[in-house]
Structure formats: C-alpha cells, structure tokens
C-alpha cells in the first residue's frame, strides 16, 4: 500500500489555525506521536478517527485522504474488470447521481494542476449543457 498524501491533514489543520496539540487532545490522545504519524503518512487512522478529522476540518474523508481514496478506487476498478459480464451488471462503481466531487475539490484548497483542469472541463460541460437546455439546441 502506498504512502497516503499526508500533507492534506497537516494543511487542513494549519488552514484552520489549529495547533497539533489541540487536535491531539480533541481526538483523545495523550501524546502527539500517534497523530504525527497520520500527518506524515506513516500510518492511516481508523475510520472513527478519520471521521472525527473530517468533522473537525470540515472536509470529506475522500479529500483528506485523496491519494489513498484514489488507490482504493483503482483497486476496486481493477477487480471489477476481472468480473464476468453477469457479475458486473449488479455492481455500479460510478459516482452517485446528483453528486459532484468537484465541489469537494473546490472547497478543499488542495487542488493540483490536474484537479484544476478537471474542474475547468467539468464546469465547461455543465455550462454547455445548461446553454443547450435554455436555447433548445
């Protein structure tokens, strides 16, 4: 398993002006080393801790742990590709309808150049679609 993109935890904490000691105390830890390992990518927090961080930093888990999320998604897609056609019909790996992960990216302040290009392309597609509906083309 690859090292998670840990700087998002640290950046999210710093963006809100929180000190590491404050977050450690809120999470119920007695010392900073366990939390430091999360921020440096040496360890992945439990789901419970990840959810608490998501609440505290006001960011979805998939944004806080974007690289790890992408890695998990790739694993699922690779396994899905090995399924036979009959098994594939009952499983849907597409994003939920009406859900826009680009909103999370825009709000996260952690956009890479690739992310920016995706958001621009998506915004253009949405504008083109809206224009077609309004103008009836």
C-alpha atoms as a PDB file:
ATOM      1  CA  UNK A   1       0.000   0.000   0.000  1.00  0.00           C
ATOM      2  CA  UNK A   2       1.438   3.396  -0.909  1.00  0.00           C
ATOM      3  CA  UNK A   3       2.073   6.225   1.473  1.00  0.00           C
ATOM      4  CA  UNK A   4      -1.021   8.383   1.849  1.00  0.00           C
ATOM      5  CA  UNK A   5      -0.920  12.004   0.851  1.00  0.00           C
ATOM      6  CA  UNK A   6      -0.465  13.081   4.420  1.00  0.00           C
ATOM      7  CA  UNK A   7       0.167  16.774   3.857  1.00  0.00           C
ATOM      8  CA  UNK A   8      -3.568  17.269   3.415  1.00  0.00           C
ATOM      9  CA  UNK A   9      -4.098  16.544   7.107  1.00  0.00           C
ATOM     10  CA  UNK A  10      -1.406  18.972   8.110  1.00  0.00           C
ATOM     11  CA  UNK A  11      -2.557  21.618   5.626  1.00  0.00           C
ATOM     12  CA  UNK A  12      -6.181  21.260   6.694  1.00  0.00           C
ATOM     13  CA  UNK A  13      -5.187  21.687  10.332  1.00  0.00           C
ATOM     14  CA  UNK A  14      -2.999  24.709   9.608  1.00  0.00           C
ATOM     15  CA  UNK A  15      -5.604  26.265   7.296  1.00  0.00           C
ATOM     16  CA  UNK A  16      -7.998  26.420  10.239  1.00  0.00           C
ATOM     17  CA  UNK A  17      -5.291  27.684  12.587  1.00  0.00           C
ATOM     18  CA  UNK A  18      -5.355  24.621  14.824  1.00  0.00           C
ATOM     19  CA  UNK A  19      -2.267  23.522  16.685  1.00  0.00           C
ATOM     20  CA  UNK A  20      -1.379  19.867  16.571  1.00  0.00           C
ATOM     21  CA  UNK A  21      -1.680  19.661  20.375  1.00  0.00           C
ATOM     22  CA  UNK A  22      -5.271  20.918  20.187  1.00  0.00           C
ATOM     23  CA  UNK A  23      -6.280  18.291  17.633  1.00  0.00           C
ATOM     24  CA  UNK A  24      -4.483  15.553  19.570  1.00  0.00           C
ATOM     25  CA  UNK A  25      -6.388  16.494  22.712  1.00  0.00           C
ATOM     26  CA  UNK A  26      -9.743  16.638  20.886  1.00  0.00           C
ATOM     27  CA  UNK A  27      -9.122  13.179  19.441  1.00  0.00           C
ATOM     28  CA  UNK A  28      -8.434  11.847  22.933  1.00  0.00           C
ATOM     29  CA  UNK A  29      -4.755  11.071  22.516  1.00  0.00           C
ATOM     30  CA  UNK A  30      -2.370  11.691  25.413  1.00  0.00           C
ATOM     31  CA  UNK A  31       0.650  12.402  23.210  1.00  0.00           C
ATOM     32  CA  UNK A  32       1.318  13.765  19.702  1.00  0.00           C
ATOM     33  CA  UNK A  33       3.384  10.898  18.139  1.00  0.00           C
ATOM     34  CA  UNK A  34       0.388   8.786  17.021  1.00  0.00           C
ATOM     35  CA  UNK A  35      -1.216  11.789  15.337  1.00  0.00           C
ATOM     36  CA  UNK A  36       2.106  12.892  13.841  1.00  0.00           C
ATOM     37  CA  UNK A  37       2.286   9.511  12.116  1.00  0.00           C
ATOM     38  CA  UNK A  38      -1.055  10.271  10.441  1.00  0.00           C
ATOM     39  CA  UNK A  39       0.184  13.647   9.213  1.00  0.00           C
ATOM     40  CA  UNK A  40       3.453  12.190   7.899  1.00  0.00           C
ATOM     41  CA  UNK A  41       1.713   9.293   6.164  1.00  0.00           C
ATOM     42  CA  UNK A  42       3.393   6.603   8.240  1.00  0.00           C
ATOM     43  CA  UNK A  43       0.025   5.370   9.476  1.00  0.00           C
ATOM     44  CA  UNK A  44      -3.590   5.537   8.319  1.00  0.00           C
ATOM     45  CA  UNK A  45      -6.078   6.425  11.067  1.00  0.00           C
ATOM     46  CA  UNK A  46      -9.007   4.227  11.975  1.00  0.00           C
ATOM     47  CA  UNK A  47     -12.344   5.031  10.377  1.00  0.00           C
ATOM     48  CA  UNK A  48     -13.505   6.582  13.659  1.00  0.00           C
ATOM     49  CA  UNK A  49     -10.510   8.952  13.787  1.00  0.00           C
ATOM     50  CA  UNK A  50     -10.820   9.740  10.058  1.00  0.00           C
ATOM     51  CA  UNK A  51     -14.483  10.684  10.568  1.00  0.00           C
ATOM     52  CA  UNK A  52     -13.564  12.905  13.522  1.00  0.00           C
ATOM     53  CA  UNK A  53     -10.899  14.621  11.409  1.00  0.00           C
ATOM     54  CA  UNK A  54     -13.428  15.080   8.616  1.00  0.00           C
ATOM     55  CA  UNK A  55     -15.810  16.780  11.057  1.00  0.00           C
ATOM     56  CA  UNK A  56     -13.087  18.853  12.682  1.00  0.00           C
ATOM     57  CA  UNK A  57     -11.530  20.036   9.412  1.00  0.00           C
ATOM     58  CA  UNK A  58     -14.906  20.354   7.633  1.00  0.00           C
ATOM     59  CA  UNK A  59     -13.683  18.267   4.702  1.00  0.00           C
ATOM     60  CA  UNK A  60     -14.855  14.896   3.357  1.00  0.00           C
ATOM     61  CA  UNK A  61     -12.639  11.904   4.069  1.00  0.00           C
ATOM     62  CA  UNK A  62     -12.064  11.439   0.346  1.00  0.00           C
ATOM     63  CA  UNK A  63     -10.482  14.910   0.226  1.00  0.00           C
ATOM     64  CA  UNK A  64      -8.390  14.484   3.373  1.00  0.00           C
ATOM     65  CA  UNK A  65      -7.093  11.148   2.114  1.00  0.00           C
ATOM     66  CA  UNK A  66      -7.378  11.781  -1.633  1.00  0.00           C
ATOM     67  CA  UNK A  67      -4.436   9.680  -2.756  1.00  0.00           C
ATOM     68  CA  UNK A  68      -5.492   6.768  -0.576  1.00  0.00           C
ATOM     69  CA  UNK A  69      -9.081   7.121  -1.814  1.00  0.00           C
ATOM     70  CA  UNK A  70      -7.867   7.052  -5.433  1.00  0.00           C
ATOM     71  CA  UNK A  71      -5.746   3.987  -4.703  1.00  0.00           C
ATOM     72  CA  UNK A  72      -8.753   2.172  -3.207  1.00  0.00           C
ATOM     73  CA  UNK A  73     -10.898   3.163  -6.207  1.00  0.00           C
ATOM     74  CA  UNK A  74      -8.244   1.833  -8.631  1.00  0.00           C
ATOM     75  CA  UNK A  75      -8.131  -1.478  -6.714  1.00  0.00           C
ATOM     76  CA  UNK A  76     -11.913  -1.820  -6.967  1.00  0.00           C
ATOM     77  CA  UNK A  77     -11.893  -0.944 -10.669  1.00  0.00           C
ATOM     78  CA  UNK A  78      -9.127  -3.478 -11.362  1.00  0.00           C
ATOM     79  CA  UNK A  79     -11.054  -6.226  -9.582  1.00  0.00           C
ATOM     80  CA  UNK A  80     -14.267  -5.170 -11.303  1.00  0.00           C
ATOM     81  CA  UNK A  81     -12.599  -5.558 -14.700  1.00  0.00           C
ATOM     82  CA  UNK A  82     -11.863  -9.212 -13.863  1.00  0.00           C
ATOM     83  CA  UNK A  83     -15.548  -9.962 -13.154  1.00  0.00           C
ATOM     84  CA  UNK A  84     -17.611 -11.676 -15.795  1.00  0.00           C
ATOM     85  CA  UNK A  85     -20.344  -9.683 -17.544  1.00  0.00           C
ATOM     86  CA  UNK A  86     -23.143 -11.206 -15.440  1.00  0.00           C
ATOM     87  CA  UNK A  87     -21.485 -10.158 -12.175  1.00  0.00           C
ATOM     88  CA  UNK A  88     -20.762  -6.660 -13.484  1.00  0.00           C
ATOM     89  CA  UNK A  89     -24.468  -5.907 -14.059  1.00  0.00           C
ATOM     90  CA  UNK A  90     -25.246  -5.974 -10.348  1.00  0.00           C
ATOM     91  CA  UNK A  91     -22.370  -3.661  -9.345  1.00  0.00           C
ATOM     92  CA  UNK A  92     -22.187   0.043 -10.141  1.00  0.00           C
ATOM     93  CA  UNK A  93     -18.906   1.866  -9.454  1.00  0.00           C
ATOM     94  CA  UNK A  94     -19.974   5.208 -10.909  1.00  0.00           C
ATOM     95  CA  UNK A  95     -20.380   8.275  -8.715  1.00  0.00           C
ATOM     96  CA  UNK A  96     -23.909   8.709  -7.321  1.00  0.00           C
ATOM     97  CA  UNK A  97     -26.297  10.738  -9.485  1.00  0.00           C
ATOM     98  CA  UNK A  98     -26.528  14.355  -8.428  1.00  0.00           C
ATOM     99  CA  UNK A  99     -23.255  14.068  -6.550  1.00  0.00           C
ATOM    100  CA  UNK A 100     -20.426  16.351  -7.609  1.00  0.00           C
ATOM    101  CA  UNK A 101     -16.994  15.537  -6.217  1.00  0.00           C
ATOM    102  CA  UNK A 102     -15.708  18.696  -7.907  1.00  0.00           C
ATOM    103  CA  UNK A 103     -17.439  20.743  -5.208  1.00  0.00           C
ATOM    104  CA  UNK A 104     -15.282  18.943  -2.650  1.00  0.00           C
ATOM    105  CA  UNK A 105     -12.161  19.718  -4.667  1.00  0.00           C
ATOM    106  CA  UNK A 106     -13.026  23.392  -4.996  1.00  0.00           C
ATOM    107  CA  UNK A 107     -13.747  23.690  -1.283  1.00  0.00           C
ATOM    108  CA  UNK A 108     -10.679  21.726  -0.226  1.00  0.00           C
ATOM    109  CA  UNK A 109      -7.990  24.269  -1.215  1.00  0.00           C
ATOM    110  CA  UNK A 110      -5.758  21.322  -2.154  1.00  0.00           C
ATOM    111  CA  UNK A 111      -6.217  21.322  -5.890  1.00  0.00           C
ATOM    112  CA  UNK A 112      -3.401  20.065  -8.076  1.00  0.00           C
ATOM    113  CA  UNK A 113      -3.000  21.258 -11.667  1.00  0.00           C
ATOM    114  CA  UNK A 114      -4.694  18.040 -12.805  1.00  0.00           C
ATOM    115  CA  UNK A 115      -7.596  18.736 -10.428  1.00  0.00           C
ATOM    116  CA  UNK A 116      -7.893  22.298 -11.745  1.00  0.00           C
ATOM    117  CA  UNK A 117      -8.054  21.042 -15.321  1.00  0.00           C
ATOM    118  CA  UNK A 118     -10.774  18.524 -14.367  1.00  0.00           C
ATOM    119  CA  UNK A 119     -12.827  21.231 -12.637  1.00  0.00           C
ATOM    120  CA  UNK A 120     -12.490  23.592 -15.628  1.00  0.00           C
ATOM    121  CA  UNK A 121     -13.541  20.835 -18.045  1.00  0.00           C
ATOM    122  CA  UNK A 122     -16.468  19.861 -15.820  1.00  0.00           C
ATOM    123  CA  UNK A 123     -17.615  23.491 -15.438  1.00  0.00           C
ATOM    124  CA  UNK A 124     -17.457  23.949 -19.219  1.00  0.00           C
ATOM    125  CA  UNK A 125     -19.512  20.786 -19.759  1.00  0.00           C
ATOM    126  CA  UNK A 126     -22.125  21.963 -17.245  1.00  0.00           C
ATOM    127  CA  UNK A 127     -22.308  25.401 -18.875  1.00  0.00           C
ATOM    128  CA  UNK A 128     -22.652  23.858 -22.355  1.00  0.00           C
ATOM    129  CA  UNK A 129     -25.400  21.550 -21.095  1.00  0.00           C
ATOM    130  CA  UNK A 130     -27.250  24.448 -19.453  1.00  0.00           C
ATOM    131  CA  UNK A 131     -26.897  26.558 -22.620  1.00  0.00           C
ATOM    132  CA  UNK A 132     -28.372  23.728 -24.732  1.00  0.00           C
ATOM    133  CA  UNK A 133     -31.339  23.392 -22.383  1.00  0.00           C
ATOM    134  CA  UNK A 134     -32.004  27.143 -22.309  1.00  0.00           C
ATOM    135  CA  UNK A 135     -31.555  27.728 -26.031  1.00  0.00           C
ATOM    136  CA  UNK A 136     -33.162  24.444 -27.012  1.00  0.00           C
ATOM    137  CA  UNK A 137     -30.227  23.204 -29.093  1.00  0.00           C
END
